[in-house]
Amino acid sequence: MSVIGWVIYIIAIVAMFYFIGIKPSQKERKKQEALLASVAVGDTVLTTSGFYGVIIDMTDDTVIVEFGNNKNCRIPMQKAAIAQLEKPTMAVKSDDKK
C-alpha cells in the first residue's frame, strides 16, 4: 500500500470510532443534562438505584426525594442520581391526545 492508502485507512478507522463510540455518548450526555435541567419540585422520578419517588425540595446540585407513602422516608441525593422523570402535566397531555 502507498502512503495515501494508509492515510485513508487511518482516517476511516478514526471516523468509525467517532461515529460509533464518541457521538452517541455525547448525545446521551446532552439528553441527561436536559433532563436534569427540567426537574422541578413535585415531579415523580426514578433514581439510578431503581427507586421511584417524588421531589419535595431542591437546591443547585441536590434534591430531597420522598419515597413511598411514608412521609418520614425523605432522602437527600445528588441530582445526577435521577435516571428518568415523569412530569404530572405530561401524563395528562398524552391522555388527551388519545
N, C-alpha and C. Protein backbone atom coordinates (compact mmCIF):
# COMPACT_ATOMS: atom_id res chain seq x y z
N MET A 1 0.84 -1.19 0.00
CA MET A 1 0.00 0.00 0.00
C MET A 1 0.87 1.25 0.00
N SER A 2 0.35 2.25 -0.62
CA SER A 2 1.08 3.50 -0.64
C SER A 2 0.76 4.31 0.61
N VAL A 3 1.44 5.39 0.76
CA VAL A 3 1.25 6.27 1.91
C VAL A 3 -0.17 6.84 1.91
N ILE A 4 -0.67 7.17 0.76
CA ILE A 4 -2.02 7.72 0.66
C ILE A 4 -3.05 6.69 1.10
N GLY A 5 -2.84 5.46 0.75
CA GLY A 5 -3.74 4.39 1.17
C GLY A 5 -3.76 4.23 2.69
N TRP A 6 -2.59 4.31 3.32
CA TRP A 6 -2.52 4.22 4.79
C TRP A 6 -3.22 5.40 5.45
N VAL A 7 -3.05 6.57 4.90
CA VAL A 7 -3.69 7.77 5.47
C VAL A 7 -5.20 7.63 5.38
N ILE A 8 -5.70 7.18 4.24
CA ILE A 8 -7.15 7.00 4.08
C ILE A 8 -7.65 5.93 5.04
N TYR A 9 -6.90 4.86 5.20
CA TYR A 9 -7.27 3.78 6.12
C TYR A 9 -7.34 4.29 7.57
N ILE A 10 -6.36 5.06 8.00
CA ILE A 10 -6.34 5.60 9.36
C ILE A 10 -7.48 6.58 9.57
N ILE A 11 -7.75 7.42 8.59
CA ILE A 11 -8.87 8.37 8.70
C ILE A 11 -10.20 7.62 8.79
N ALA A 12 -10.35 6.55 8.04
CA ALA A 12 -11.58 5.76 8.10
C ALA A 12 -11.76 5.11 9.47
N ILE A 13 -10.69 4.61 10.06
CA ILE A 13 -10.75 3.99 11.40
C ILE A 13 -11.13 5.05 12.44
N VAL A 14 -10.51 6.21 12.39
CA VAL A 14 -10.81 7.29 13.35
C VAL A 14 -12.26 7.74 13.19
N ALA A 15 -12.73 7.89 11.98
CA ALA A 15 -14.12 8.30 11.75
C ALA A 15 -15.09 7.25 12.28
N MET A 16 -14.76 5.98 12.12
CA MET A 16 -15.62 4.91 12.61
C MET A 16 -15.69 4.96 14.15
N PHE A 17 -14.55 5.13 14.81
CA PHE A 17 -14.55 5.25 16.26
C PHE A 17 -15.38 6.45 16.72
N TYR A 18 -15.29 7.56 16.01
CA TYR A 18 -16.04 8.76 16.38
C TYR A 18 -17.54 8.51 16.28
N PHE A 19 -17.99 7.98 15.15
CA PHE A 19 -19.43 7.82 14.94
C PHE A 19 -20.03 6.65 15.71
N ILE A 20 -19.23 5.67 16.09
CA ILE A 20 -19.75 4.54 16.86
C ILE A 20 -19.58 4.74 18.36
N GLY A 21 -18.49 5.38 18.79
CA GLY A 21 -18.21 5.48 20.21
C GLY A 21 -18.44 6.84 20.83
N ILE A 22 -17.97 7.89 20.21
CA ILE A 22 -17.98 9.21 20.84
C ILE A 22 -19.30 9.94 20.62
N LYS A 23 -19.79 9.98 19.41
CA LYS A 23 -21.01 10.73 19.07
C LYS A 23 -22.24 10.27 19.87
N PRO A 24 -22.52 8.96 20.00
CA PRO A 24 -23.69 8.55 20.77
C PRO A 24 -23.58 8.90 22.26
N SER A 25 -22.38 8.84 22.82
CA SER A 25 -22.24 9.19 24.24
C SER A 25 -22.43 10.68 24.46
N GLN A 26 -22.01 11.51 23.51
CA GLN A 26 -22.25 12.95 23.61
C GLN A 26 -23.74 13.25 23.55
N LYS A 27 -24.44 12.55 22.67
CA LYS A 27 -25.88 12.75 22.53
C LYS A 27 -26.61 12.35 23.82
N GLU A 28 -26.20 11.23 24.42
CA GLU A 28 -26.80 10.76 25.66
C GLU A 28 -26.52 11.73 26.81
N ARG A 29 -25.32 12.29 26.85
CA ARG A 29 -24.97 13.25 27.91
C ARG A 29 -25.81 14.51 27.79
N LYS A 30 -26.03 15.00 26.58
CA LYS A 30 -26.87 16.19 26.37
C LYS A 30 -28.31 15.91 26.79
N LYS A 31 -28.78 14.71 26.49
CA LYS A 31 -30.14 14.32 26.87
C LYS A 31 -30.28 14.29 28.40
N GLN A 32 -29.28 13.75 29.10
CA GLN A 32 -29.32 13.69 30.56
C GLN A 32 -29.24 15.08 31.17
N GLU A 33 -28.42 15.97 30.60
CA GLU A 33 -28.33 17.34 31.08
C GLU A 33 -29.66 18.07 30.91
N ALA A 34 -30.34 17.86 29.80
CA ALA A 34 -31.64 18.48 29.58
C ALA A 34 -32.66 17.94 30.58
N LEU A 35 -32.60 16.64 30.87
CA LEU A 35 -33.50 16.05 31.85
C LEU A 35 -33.29 16.67 33.23
N LEU A 36 -32.04 16.81 33.65
CA LEU A 36 -31.75 17.37 34.97
C LEU A 36 -32.11 18.85 35.04
N ALA A 37 -32.04 19.55 33.92
CA ALA A 37 -32.41 20.97 33.91
C ALA A 37 -33.92 21.15 34.03
N SER A 38 -34.70 20.16 33.61
CA SER A 38 -36.16 20.29 33.63
C SER A 38 -36.79 19.76 34.91
N VAL A 39 -35.99 19.28 35.85
CA VAL A 39 -36.51 18.73 37.10
C VAL A 39 -37.10 19.85 37.95
N ALA A 40 -38.28 19.59 38.53
CA ALA A 40 -38.94 20.57 39.39
C ALA A 40 -39.55 19.86 40.60
N VAL A 41 -39.86 20.64 41.61
CA VAL A 41 -40.50 20.10 42.82
C VAL A 41 -41.86 19.53 42.44
N GLY A 42 -42.16 18.33 42.95
CA GLY A 42 -43.43 17.67 42.66
C GLY A 42 -43.34 16.63 41.57
N ASP A 43 -42.22 16.56 40.88
CA ASP A 43 -42.04 15.58 39.81
C ASP A 43 -41.78 14.19 40.39
N THR A 44 -42.31 13.19 39.74
CA THR A 44 -42.01 11.81 40.09
C THR A 44 -40.78 11.39 39.32
N VAL A 45 -39.81 10.81 40.03
CA VAL A 45 -38.54 10.45 39.40
C VAL A 45 -38.20 8.99 39.68
N LEU A 46 -37.39 8.44 38.82
CA LEU A 46 -36.79 7.12 39.02
C LEU A 46 -35.31 7.37 39.24
N THR A 47 -34.77 6.88 40.36
CA THR A 47 -33.35 7.07 40.65
C THR A 47 -32.52 6.00 39.97
N THR A 48 -31.22 6.21 39.92
CA THR A 48 -30.33 5.24 39.32
C THR A 48 -30.29 3.94 40.11
N SER A 49 -30.70 3.98 41.37
CA SER A 49 -30.75 2.76 42.18
C SER A 49 -32.06 2.01 42.01
N GLY A 50 -33.00 2.55 41.23
CA GLY A 50 -34.23 1.84 40.92
C GLY A 50 -35.42 2.19 41.78
N PHE A 51 -35.34 3.24 42.58
CA PHE A 51 -36.44 3.64 43.44
C PHE A 51 -37.23 4.77 42.80
N TYR A 52 -38.57 4.68 42.90
CA TYR A 52 -39.44 5.77 42.46
C TYR A 52 -39.73 6.67 43.65
N GLY A 53 -39.77 7.98 43.41
CA GLY A 53 -40.06 8.92 44.48
C GLY A 53 -40.52 10.24 43.91
N VAL A 54 -40.88 11.15 44.82
CA VAL A 54 -41.36 12.48 44.45
C VAL A 54 -40.39 13.51 45.02
N ILE A 55 -39.99 14.46 44.20
CA ILE A 55 -39.09 15.51 44.66
C ILE A 55 -39.89 16.48 45.52
N ILE A 56 -39.39 16.74 46.74
CA ILE A 56 -40.10 17.66 47.62
C ILE A 56 -39.31 18.93 47.88
N ASP A 57 -37.99 18.92 47.59
CA ASP A 57 -37.17 20.11 47.76
C ASP A 57 -35.94 19.99 46.87
N MET A 58 -35.41 21.14 46.42
CA MET A 58 -34.26 21.15 45.52
C MET A 58 -33.31 22.27 45.88
N THR A 59 -32.02 22.03 45.64
CA THR A 59 -31.01 23.08 45.59
C THR A 59 -30.30 22.93 44.25
N ASP A 60 -29.16 23.57 44.09
CA ASP A 60 -28.48 23.54 42.79
C ASP A 60 -28.08 22.13 42.37
N ASP A 61 -27.47 21.36 43.27
CA ASP A 61 -26.98 20.04 42.88
C ASP A 61 -27.55 18.89 43.70
N THR A 62 -28.44 19.17 44.63
CA THR A 62 -29.06 18.10 45.42
C THR A 62 -30.58 18.22 45.39
N VAL A 63 -31.24 17.10 45.61
CA VAL A 63 -32.70 17.05 45.71
C VAL A 63 -33.06 16.22 46.93
N ILE A 64 -34.20 16.49 47.51
CA ILE A 64 -34.73 15.65 48.58
C ILE A 64 -35.92 14.91 47.99
N VAL A 65 -35.82 13.58 48.01
CA VAL A 65 -36.83 12.74 47.39
C VAL A 65 -37.59 11.99 48.48
N GLU A 66 -38.91 11.98 48.35
CA GLU A 66 -39.78 11.25 49.29
C GLU A 66 -40.19 9.94 48.63
N PHE A 67 -39.92 8.84 49.33
CA PHE A 67 -40.20 7.52 48.78
C PHE A 67 -41.41 6.91 49.46
N GLY A 68 -42.31 6.30 48.69
CA GLY A 68 -43.46 5.59 49.23
C GLY A 68 -44.48 6.51 49.87
N ASN A 69 -45.41 5.92 50.59
CA ASN A 69 -46.47 6.69 51.25
C ASN A 69 -46.05 7.21 52.61
N ASN A 70 -44.93 6.73 53.13
CA ASN A 70 -44.45 7.15 54.43
C ASN A 70 -43.80 8.53 54.30
N LYS A 71 -44.36 9.52 54.96
CA LYS A 71 -43.85 10.90 54.87
C LYS A 71 -42.50 11.06 55.56
N ASN A 72 -42.08 10.07 56.35
CA ASN A 72 -40.80 10.16 57.04
C ASN A 72 -39.65 9.62 56.21
N CYS A 73 -39.91 9.06 55.05
CA CYS A 73 -38.87 8.48 54.22
C CYS A 73 -38.44 9.50 53.17
N ARG A 74 -37.65 10.46 53.60
CA ARG A 74 -37.13 11.52 52.73
C ARG A 74 -35.62 11.42 52.70
N ILE A 75 -35.06 11.32 51.52
CA ILE A 75 -33.62 11.11 51.39
C ILE A 75 -33.04 12.18 50.49
N PRO A 76 -32.02 12.89 50.96
CA PRO A 76 -31.32 13.83 50.07
C PRO A 76 -30.36 13.05 49.17
N MET A 77 -30.29 13.46 47.91
CA MET A 77 -29.39 12.81 46.97
C MET A 77 -28.96 13.81 45.90
N GLN A 78 -27.94 13.45 45.17
CA GLN A 78 -27.46 14.31 44.09
C GLN A 78 -28.44 14.28 42.92
N LYS A 79 -28.51 15.39 42.21
CA LYS A 79 -29.38 15.45 41.03
C LYS A 79 -28.96 14.43 39.99
N ALA A 80 -27.67 14.14 39.92
CA ALA A 80 -27.16 13.21 38.92
C ALA A 80 -27.68 11.79 39.13
N ALA A 81 -28.26 11.51 40.30
CA ALA A 81 -28.80 10.17 40.58
C ALA A 81 -30.19 9.97 39.99
N ILE A 82 -30.71 10.96 39.30
CA ILE A 82 -32.03 10.85 38.68
C ILE A 82 -31.85 10.24 37.29
N ALA A 83 -32.53 9.12 37.05
CA ALA A 83 -32.40 8.43 35.77
C ALA A 83 -33.54 8.78 34.81
N GLN A 84 -34.78 8.87 35.33
CA GLN A 84 -35.93 9.21 34.50
C GLN A 84 -36.81 10.20 35.24
N LEU A 85 -37.63 10.88 34.48
CA LEU A 85 -38.51 11.92 35.03
C LEU A 85 -39.91 11.73 34.48
N GLU A 86 -40.90 11.84 35.36
CA GLU A 86 -42.30 11.78 34.93
C GLU A 86 -43.00 13.02 35.45
N LYS A 87 -43.26 13.95 34.56
CA LYS A 87 -43.97 15.17 34.95
C LYS A 87 -45.46 14.90 34.96
N PRO A 88 -46.17 15.37 35.98
CA PRO A 88 -47.62 15.14 36.05
C PRO A 88 -48.37 15.74 34.87
N THR A 89 -47.93 16.89 34.36
CA THR A 89 -48.64 17.54 33.25
C THR A 89 -48.44 16.77 31.95
N MET A 90 -47.32 16.09 31.78
CA MET A 90 -47.08 15.33 30.56
C MET A 90 -48.03 14.14 30.46
N ALA A 91 -48.34 13.50 31.57
CA ALA A 91 -49.25 12.36 31.55
C ALA A 91 -50.66 12.80 31.16
N VAL A 92 -51.08 13.97 31.63
CA VAL A 92 -52.41 14.47 31.31
C VAL A 92 -52.49 14.83 29.83
N LYS A 93 -51.46 15.48 29.29
CA LYS A 93 -51.47 15.86 27.88
C LYS A 93 -51.48 14.64 26.97
N SER A 94 -50.73 13.61 27.31
CA SER A 94 -50.69 12.42 26.46
C SER A 94 -52.04 11.68 26.48
N ASP A 95 -52.78 11.74 27.59
CA ASP A 95 -54.09 11.11 27.65
C ASP A 95 -55.12 11.87 26.81
N ASP A 96 -54.94 13.19 26.70
CA ASP A 96 -55.87 13.99 25.90
C ASP A 96 -55.73 13.69 24.41
N LYS A 97 -54.55 13.33 23.94
CA LYS A 97 -54.31 13.09 22.52
C LYS A 97 -54.92 11.77 22.06
N LYS A 98 -55.11 10.83 22.95
CA LYS A 98 -55.64 9.52 22.57
C LYS A 98 -57.08 9.56 22.35
